[in-house]
């Protein structure tokens, strides 16, 4: 198995280089390239060509490598299918927005949560990702953003020069089943890439001990709760985790986090339909009663409800609801004083639902 140079300490990298009869300063040159996200040794133009060739035979740059890259038709979203050293695959997504460049990061290979509307969980959980494997996703996106100008930009850049400015841990997996490594990754992103805590969001389906751990950690990040139903009965029917952590318990922990850090809590709510026997679409979690119950849960708290029209997944038997139904649900929340928005679809033409690309690639294998 090839050595992944990004995983080596500075001392280990220096020894690796000198064992190849190269001067010590080559280690520093390589580290600079690794910290910029160089995907291969051919990119490292200030290294001798024969040394680059040798490195390519015995080493890898990052702990992830691109298997497939998809670009949305509007050039605003890039989706990467990445392979890990053990052959497992994950996804990350780069989103270019008016407020900066955001990267959606995976925290696990697969997912054990079993949500009935999601593609990520269909292949089950394989393992947690390491700090390096999560950090490398950011570097893949950074390299993509910098393109041909990568050598002319300092590693610790900001959104003004086109660097990654925001992180959302909302990709494949449940972050709070891997809390220690997620925290380690975010500390590193804050320190090494100068990404503000207030530009970092962690999304969870409701692992209450993990939410409490984030609160104790004490960093003023943004927290997002994948709620998707206003009652225990309905939520348990689509999210098995609700059998362990009920709606009220999840929200109490989330509201406590929001109050402690003075951050607006994001409530994610996927709007689902079901096909009736006659082929018509029945609102599964998106009728007026559901909206009113959701509003009651949110009232008096610093929240923003993010409504998400469902992205179709072939293996799931839900259905997308009409735009009119989505807006009616939003209107009810707004009339009841709840800050609400409808998530703008990004990259719908490249399989925007989490886990879709990984699932399709696995089927071909």
Protein backbone atom coordinates (compact mmCIF):
# COMPACT_ATOMS: atom_id res chain seq x y z
CA UNK A 1 0.00 0.00 0.00
CA UNK A 2 1.30 3.44 -0.90
CA UNK A 3 2.21 5.92 1.84
CA UNK A 4 -0.22 8.84 2.17
CA UNK A 5 2.09 11.81 2.68
CA UNK A 6 -0.65 14.07 4.05
CA UNK A 7 -1.05 11.68 7.00
CA UNK A 8 2.60 11.98 8.02
CA UNK A 9 3.82 14.37 10.68
CA UNK A 10 6.40 16.94 9.64
CA UNK A 11 9.12 14.82 11.20
CA UNK A 12 7.89 11.67 9.45
CA UNK A 13 7.68 13.50 6.14
CA UNK A 14 11.23 14.78 6.52
CA UNK A 15 12.49 11.26 7.22
CA UNK A 16 10.52 9.92 4.24
CA UNK A 17 12.22 12.48 1.98
CA UNK A 18 15.75 12.02 3.30
CA UNK A 19 15.40 8.23 3.05
CA UNK A 20 14.98 8.86 -0.68
CA UNK A 21 18.29 10.75 -0.69
CA UNK A 22 16.58 14.12 -1.03
CA UNK A 23 17.48 17.26 0.97
CA UNK A 24 15.32 18.06 4.01
CA UNK A 25 13.83 21.21 2.44
CA UNK A 26 11.94 19.00 -0.02
CA UNK A 27 9.68 18.01 2.89
CA UNK A 28 8.66 21.63 3.40
CA UNK A 29 7.98 22.03 -0.33
CA UNK A 30 5.82 18.93 -0.36
CA UNK A 31 3.93 20.04 2.76
CA UNK A 32 3.08 23.35 1.15
CA UNK A 33 1.59 21.54 -1.83
CA UNK A 34 -0.31 19.10 0.38
CA UNK A 35 -1.81 21.97 2.36
CA UNK A 36 -3.09 23.44 -0.89
CA UNK A 37 -4.78 20.15 -1.85
CA UNK A 38 -2.45 18.97 -4.63
CA UNK A 39 -4.10 15.80 -5.99
CA UNK A 40 -0.91 14.36 -7.50
CA UNK A 41 2.84 14.83 -7.61
CA UNK A 42 2.82 16.08 -11.19
CA UNK A 43 1.34 19.31 -9.81
CA UNK A 44 4.39 19.94 -7.63
CA UNK A 45 6.34 21.83 -10.26
CA UNK A 46 9.16 22.95 -7.99
CA UNK A 47 10.23 19.35 -7.33
CA UNK A 48 12.67 17.60 -9.70
CA UNK A 49 10.86 15.58 -12.34
CA UNK A 50 12.60 12.31 -11.47
CA UNK A 51 11.69 12.80 -7.77
CA UNK A 52 8.05 13.46 -8.68
CA UNK A 53 8.04 10.28 -10.75
CA UNK A 54 9.47 8.27 -7.85
CA UNK A 55 6.91 9.70 -5.44
CA UNK A 56 4.12 8.69 -7.79
CA UNK A 57 5.31 5.07 -7.60
CA UNK A 58 5.42 4.79 -3.82
CA UNK A 59 3.12 7.44 -2.35
CA UNK A 60 -0.21 9.28 -2.52
CA UNK A 61 -0.72 12.95 -1.75
CA UNK A 62 -4.07 13.04 0.10
CA UNK A 63 -6.10 10.38 1.95
CA UNK A 64 -8.86 10.86 -0.65
CA UNK A 65 -8.75 10.80 -4.42
CA UNK A 66 -11.33 11.89 -6.95
CA UNK A 67 -13.19 9.05 -8.65
CA UNK A 68 -15.73 11.24 -10.38
CA UNK A 69 -16.46 14.96 -10.60
CA UNK A 70 -19.79 16.38 -11.76
CA UNK A 71 -20.49 20.02 -12.62
CA UNK A 72 -23.96 21.56 -12.52
CA UNK A 73 -25.18 23.24 -15.67
CA UNK A 74 -25.02 26.68 -13.99
CA UNK A 75 -21.38 26.07 -12.91
CA UNK A 76 -22.31 26.91 -9.33
CA UNK A 77 -22.08 23.40 -7.86
CA UNK A 78 -19.39 20.74 -8.15
CA UNK A 79 -19.97 17.30 -6.71
CA UNK A 80 -17.08 14.94 -5.99
CA UNK A 81 -17.14 11.19 -5.52
CA UNK A 82 -14.03 10.44 -3.49
CA UNK A 83 -12.32 7.16 -2.70
CA UNK A 84 -10.59 6.51 0.61
CA UNK A 85 -7.46 4.44 1.12
CA UNK A 86 -9.43 1.29 1.94
CA UNK A 87 -11.64 1.62 -1.14
CA UNK A 88 -14.69 3.06 0.62
CA UNK A 89 -16.33 6.00 -1.12
CA UNK A 90 -17.78 9.29 0.10
CA UNK A 91 -19.12 12.47 -1.44
CA UNK A 92 -18.47 16.15 -0.91
CA UNK A 93 -20.05 19.12 -2.65
CA UNK A 94 -18.65 22.56 -3.45
CA UNK A 95 -21.29 25.29 -3.69
CA UNK A 96 -20.39 28.72 -5.04
CA UNK A 97 -22.79 31.27 -3.57
CA UNK A 98 -23.20 35.01 -3.27
CA UNK A 99 -21.95 34.88 0.33
CA UNK A 100 -18.87 32.74 -0.38
CA UNK A 101 -17.79 29.22 -1.22
CA UNK A 102 -19.35 26.50 0.89
CA UNK A 103 -18.29 22.84 1.11
CA UNK A 104 -20.65 20.09 2.24
CA UNK A 105 -18.48 17.54 4.05
CA UNK A 106 -19.13 13.85 4.77
CA UNK A 107 -18.33 12.57 8.25
CA UNK A 108 -18.81 8.83 7.69
CA UNK A 109 -18.55 6.32 4.87
CA UNK A 110 -22.20 5.38 4.67
CA UNK A 111 -24.77 5.93 7.39
CA UNK A 112 -26.49 3.81 10.04
CA UNK A 113 -29.45 6.10 10.72
CA UNK A 114 -31.88 4.38 8.32
CA UNK A 115 -33.95 7.46 7.43
CA UNK A 116 -36.65 6.25 5.05
CA UNK A 117 -36.30 9.11 2.55
CA UNK A 118 -32.51 9.14 2.24
CA UNK A 119 -30.05 7.56 -0.21
CA UNK A 120 -27.01 7.84 2.08
CA UNK A 121 -28.14 5.05 4.37
CA UNK A 122 -29.05 2.48 1.72
CA UNK A 123 -25.58 0.89 1.72
CA UNK A 124 -25.31 0.98 5.51
CA UNK A 125 -22.50 2.36 7.67
CA UNK A 126 -18.99 1.30 6.75
CA UNK A 127 -16.92 3.39 9.17
CA UNK A 128 -16.20 6.81 10.65
CA UNK A 129 -13.93 9.19 8.77
CA UNK A 130 -10.70 10.43 10.29
CA UNK A 131 -9.85 14.08 10.88
CA UNK A 132 -7.50 13.96 7.87
CA UNK A 133 -10.16 12.42 5.61
CA UNK A 134 -12.62 15.19 6.46
CA UNK A 135 -10.01 17.93 6.15
CA UNK A 136 -8.90 16.57 2.78
CA UNK A 137 -12.42 17.14 1.41
CA UNK A 138 -11.97 20.85 2.04
CA UNK A 139 -8.62 20.76 0.27
CA UNK A 140 -10.13 19.02 -2.77
CA UNK A 141 -12.64 21.87 -3.02
CA UNK A 142 -9.93 24.47 -2.42
CA UNK A 143 -7.82 23.10 -5.25
CA UNK A 144 -10.87 23.19 -7.52
CA UNK A 145 -11.54 26.83 -6.64
CA UNK A 146 -7.99 28.02 -7.11
CA UNK A 147 -7.42 26.20 -10.37
CA UNK A 148 -4.45 27.40 -12.36
CA UNK A 149 -3.79 30.20 -9.85
CA UNK A 150 -3.11 27.77 -7.00
CA UNK A 151 0.61 28.53 -6.83
CA UNK A 152 0.01 32.27 -6.53
CA UNK A 153 -2.35 32.24 -3.53
CA UNK A 154 -1.34 31.91 0.10
CA UNK A 155 -2.60 28.75 1.85
CA UNK A 156 -4.55 30.71 4.48
CA UNK A 157 -6.75 32.70 2.11
CA UNK A 158 -10.33 33.88 2.48
CA UNK A 159 -13.51 34.25 0.45
CA UNK A 160 -12.25 37.42 -1.17
CA UNK A 161 -9.74 35.50 -3.24
CA UNK A 162 -12.07 32.61 -4.00
CA UNK A 163 -11.17 30.24 -1.18
CA UNK A 164 -13.48 28.02 0.87
CA UNK A 165 -15.29 30.29 3.33
CA UNK A 166 -18.04 28.08 4.80
CA UNK A 167 -18.28 24.46 5.95
CA UNK A 168 -21.47 22.45 6.37
CA UNK A 169 -21.07 18.97 7.84
CA UNK A 170 -24.19 17.68 6.09
CA UNK A 171 -22.81 15.07 3.71
CA UNK A 172 -22.92 11.30 4.04
CA UNK A 173 -23.15 10.04 7.61
CA UNK A 174 -24.29 11.27 11.02
CA UNK A 175 -21.64 13.69 12.37
CA UNK A 176 -22.53 13.13 16.02
CA UNK A 177 -21.76 9.44 15.76
CA UNK A 178 -18.22 10.63 15.03
CA UNK A 179 -18.15 13.65 17.33
CA UNK A 180 -14.53 13.51 18.45
CA UNK A 181 -13.15 13.45 14.89
CA UNK A 182 -15.65 16.07 13.69
CA UNK A 183 -14.54 18.42 16.46
CA UNK A 184 -10.89 17.74 15.60
CA UNK A 185 -11.57 18.50 11.96
CA UNK A 186 -13.39 21.75 12.72
CA UNK A 187 -10.67 22.93 15.10
CA UNK A 188 -8.17 22.36 12.33
CA UNK A 189 -10.29 24.12 9.71
CA UNK A 190 -10.63 27.12 12.01
CA UNK A 191 -6.93 27.25 12.84
CA UNK A 192 -5.30 26.33 9.52
CA UNK A 193 -7.82 27.74 7.04
CA UNK A 194 -9.06 30.68 9.09
CA UNK A 195 -12.70 29.64 8.71
CA UNK A 196 -14.79 31.43 11.31
CA UNK A 197 -16.84 29.39 13.77
CA UNK A 198 -19.89 31.33 12.64
CA UNK A 199 -19.37 30.04 9.10
CA UNK A 200 -19.45 26.40 10.20
CA UNK A 201 -22.63 24.32 10.47
CA UNK A 202 -23.05 20.80 11.84
CA UNK A 203 -26.23 18.94 10.98
CA UNK A 204 -27.58 16.05 13.06
CA UNK A 205 -30.67 13.88 12.96
CA UNK A 206 -30.85 14.24 16.73
CA UNK A 207 -28.11 12.44 18.67
CA UNK A 208 -28.79 14.13 21.99
CA UNK A 209 -25.52 13.21 23.77
CA UNK A 210 -23.63 14.54 20.74
CA UNK A 211 -25.54 17.83 20.83
CA UNK A 212 -24.67 18.13 24.51
CA UNK A 213 -21.01 17.40 23.70
CA UNK A 214 -21.01 20.22 21.13
CA UNK A 215 -22.46 22.52 23.76
CA UNK A 216 -19.71 21.59 26.23
CA UNK A 217 -17.08 22.03 23.49
CA UNK A 218 -18.08 25.67 23.55
CA UNK A 219 -17.48 26.86 19.99
CA UNK A 220 -20.18 29.17 18.53
CA UNK A 221 -20.84 27.11 15.41
CA UNK A 222 -24.26 26.78 13.80
CA UNK A 223 -26.36 23.74 14.64
CA UNK A 224 -28.91 22.22 12.28
CA UNK A 225 -31.47 19.63 13.32
CA UNK A 226 -32.93 17.28 10.72
CA UNK A 227 -36.43 17.18 12.19
CA UNK A 228 -38.73 16.38 9.24
CA UNK A 229 -41.84 15.76 11.37
CA UNK A 230 -43.57 17.58 14.25
CA UNK A 231 -44.79 14.51 16.19
CA UNK A 232 -43.08 11.44 17.59
CA UNK A 233 -45.41 9.06 15.77
CA UNK A 234 -44.78 10.61 12.36
CA UNK A 235 -41.06 11.13 12.91
CA UNK A 236 -40.53 7.55 14.09
CA UNK A 237 -42.15 6.31 10.88
CA UNK A 238 -39.44 7.92 8.76
CA UNK A 239 -36.51 8.32 11.18
CA UNK A 240 -35.69 5.31 13.40
CA UNK A 241 -33.46 7.48 15.61
CA UNK A 242 -36.67 9.00 17.02
CA UNK A 243 -37.35 5.72 18.80
CA UNK A 244 -34.33 6.54 20.99
CA UNK A 245 -34.40 10.35 21.13
CA UNK A 246 -37.88 11.84 20.99
CA UNK A 247 -38.77 15.16 19.34
CA UNK A 248 -39.01 17.07 22.62
CA UNK A 249 -35.70 15.73 23.93
CA UNK A 250 -33.89 16.60 20.69
CA UNK A 251 -35.33 20.11 20.57
CA UNK A 252 -34.60 20.81 24.23
CA UNK A 253 -30.93 19.96 23.68
CA UNK A 254 -30.84 22.01 20.47
CA UNK A 255 -32.56 25.04 22.03
CA UNK A 256 -30.07 24.90 24.90
CA UNK A 257 -27.17 24.96 22.43
CA UNK A 258 -28.75 27.89 20.57
CA UNK A 259 -29.26 29.88 23.77
CA UNK A 260 -25.76 29.18 25.11
CA UNK A 261 -24.01 30.34 21.97
CA UNK A 262 -26.52 32.97 20.83
CA UNK A 263 -26.87 31.23 17.47
CA UNK A 264 -30.04 30.84 15.45
CA UNK A 265 -31.00 27.17 15.31
CA UNK A 266 -31.70 25.73 11.87
CA UNK A 267 -34.53 23.22 11.60
CA UNK A 268 -34.34 21.15 8.45
CA UNK A 269 -37.67 19.84 7.20
CA UNK A 270 -37.94 17.69 4.08
CA UNK A 271 -41.41 17.93 2.57
CA UNK A 272 -42.61 14.47 1.52
CA UNK A 273 -45.51 13.13 -0.46
CA UNK A 274 -46.82 9.62 -1.07
CA UNK A 275 -48.56 8.25 -4.14
CA UNK A 276 -52.14 7.24 -3.49
CA UNK A 277 -53.71 4.20 -5.16
CA UNK A 278 -55.07 6.38 -7.93
CA UNK A 279 -51.62 7.90 -8.55
CA UNK A 280 -52.35 11.23 -6.88
CA UNK A 281 -49.86 12.71 -4.42
CA UNK A 282 -50.87 12.72 -0.75
CA UNK A 283 -49.04 15.06 1.64
CA UNK A 284 -47.15 12.80 4.07
CA UNK A 285 -45.61 15.32 6.48
CA UNK A 286 -46.58 18.55 4.77
CA UNK A 287 -50.25 19.33 5.37
CA UNK A 288 -51.73 22.25 7.30
CA UNK A 289 -51.93 20.34 10.58
CA UNK A 290 -48.24 19.41 10.35
CA UNK A 291 -47.31 23.04 9.71
CA UNK A 292 -49.34 24.25 12.70
CA UNK A 293 -47.79 21.65 15.01
CA UNK A 294 -44.32 22.56 13.79
CA UNK A 295 -45.03 26.24 14.41
CA UNK A 296 -46.12 25.45 17.96
CA UNK A 297 -42.85 23.59 18.62
CA UNK A 298 -40.79 26.52 17.31
CA UNK A 299 -42.69 29.40 18.87
CA UNK A 300 -40.63 31.57 21.20
CA UNK A 301 -37.27 30.20 20.08
CA UNK A 302 -34.52 31.64 17.88
CA UNK A 303 -34.99 29.35 14.90
CA UNK A 304 -35.10 29.32 11.15
CA UNK A 305 -37.04 26.53 9.47
CA UNK A 306 -35.41 25.42 6.25
CA UNK A 307 -37.99 23.72 4.03
CA UNK A 308 -36.49 21.20 1.63
CA UNK A 309 -38.44 19.92 -1.37
CA UNK A 310 -37.60 16.21 -1.53
CA UNK A 311 -35.08 15.04 -4.13
CA UNK A 312 -36.34 11.83 -5.71
CA UNK A 313 -34.46 8.64 -4.82
CA UNK A 314 -35.38 5.63 -6.96
CA UNK A 315 -35.11 3.20 -4.05
CA UNK A 316 -37.54 5.17 -1.89
CA UNK A 317 -41.33 5.19 -2.30
CA UNK A 318 -41.93 8.83 -1.42
CA UNK A 319 -42.92 11.45 -3.96
CA UNK A 320 -42.13 15.12 -4.52
CA UNK A 321 -44.95 17.51 -3.71
CA UNK A 322 -46.02 20.48 -5.78
CA UNK A 323 -44.50 23.92 -5.49
CA UNK A 324 -47.87 25.24 -4.40
CA UNK A 325 -47.97 22.79 -1.49
CA UNK A 326 -44.47 23.81 -0.46
CA UNK A 327 -45.42 27.49 -0.42
CA UNK A 328 -48.66 26.82 1.48
CA UNK A 329 -46.64 25.08 4.20
CA UNK A 330 -44.25 28.02 4.33
CA UNK A 331 -47.09 30.55 4.48
CA UNK A 332 -48.61 28.84 7.52
CA UNK A 333 -45.31 28.96 9.38
CA UNK A 334 -44.72 32.61 8.49
CA UNK A 335 -48.26 33.60 9.55
CA UNK A 336 -47.50 31.97 12.90
CA UNK A 337 -44.36 34.06 13.35
CA UNK A 338 -41.80 31.43 12.39
CA UNK A 339 -38.83 32.53 10.28
CA UNK A 340 -38.93 30.19 7.29
CA UNK A 341 -37.27 29.80 3.94
CA UNK A 342 -37.34 27.28 1.13
CA UNK A 343 -33.96 25.83 0.33
CA UNK A 344 -32.79 26.71 -3.12
CA UNK A 345 -31.98 23.62 -5.17
CA UNK A 346 -28.32 23.39 -6.04
CA UNK A 347 -26.93 20.88 -8.48
CA UNK A 348 -30.22 19.07 -9.04
CA UNK A 349 -28.95 18.00 -12.46
CA UNK A 350 -25.97 16.18 -10.92
CA UNK A 351 -27.79 14.18 -8.22
CA UNK A 352 -28.08 16.64 -5.38
CA UNK A 353 -29.45 14.21 -2.79
CA UNK A 354 -26.77 13.03 -0.37
CA UNK A 355 -25.52 9.57 -1.23
CA UNK A 356 -26.95 9.38 -4.75
CA UNK A 357 -23.63 9.45 -6.57
CA UNK A 358 -22.03 6.96 -4.16
CA UNK A 359 -25.02 4.64 -4.49
CA UNK A 360 -25.05 4.71 -8.28
CA UNK A 361 -21.32 4.11 -8.48
CA UNK A 362 -21.56 1.14 -6.10
CA UNK A 363 -24.31 -0.41 -8.25
CA UNK A 364 -22.03 -0.30 -11.26
CA UNK A 365 -19.30 -2.01 -9.25
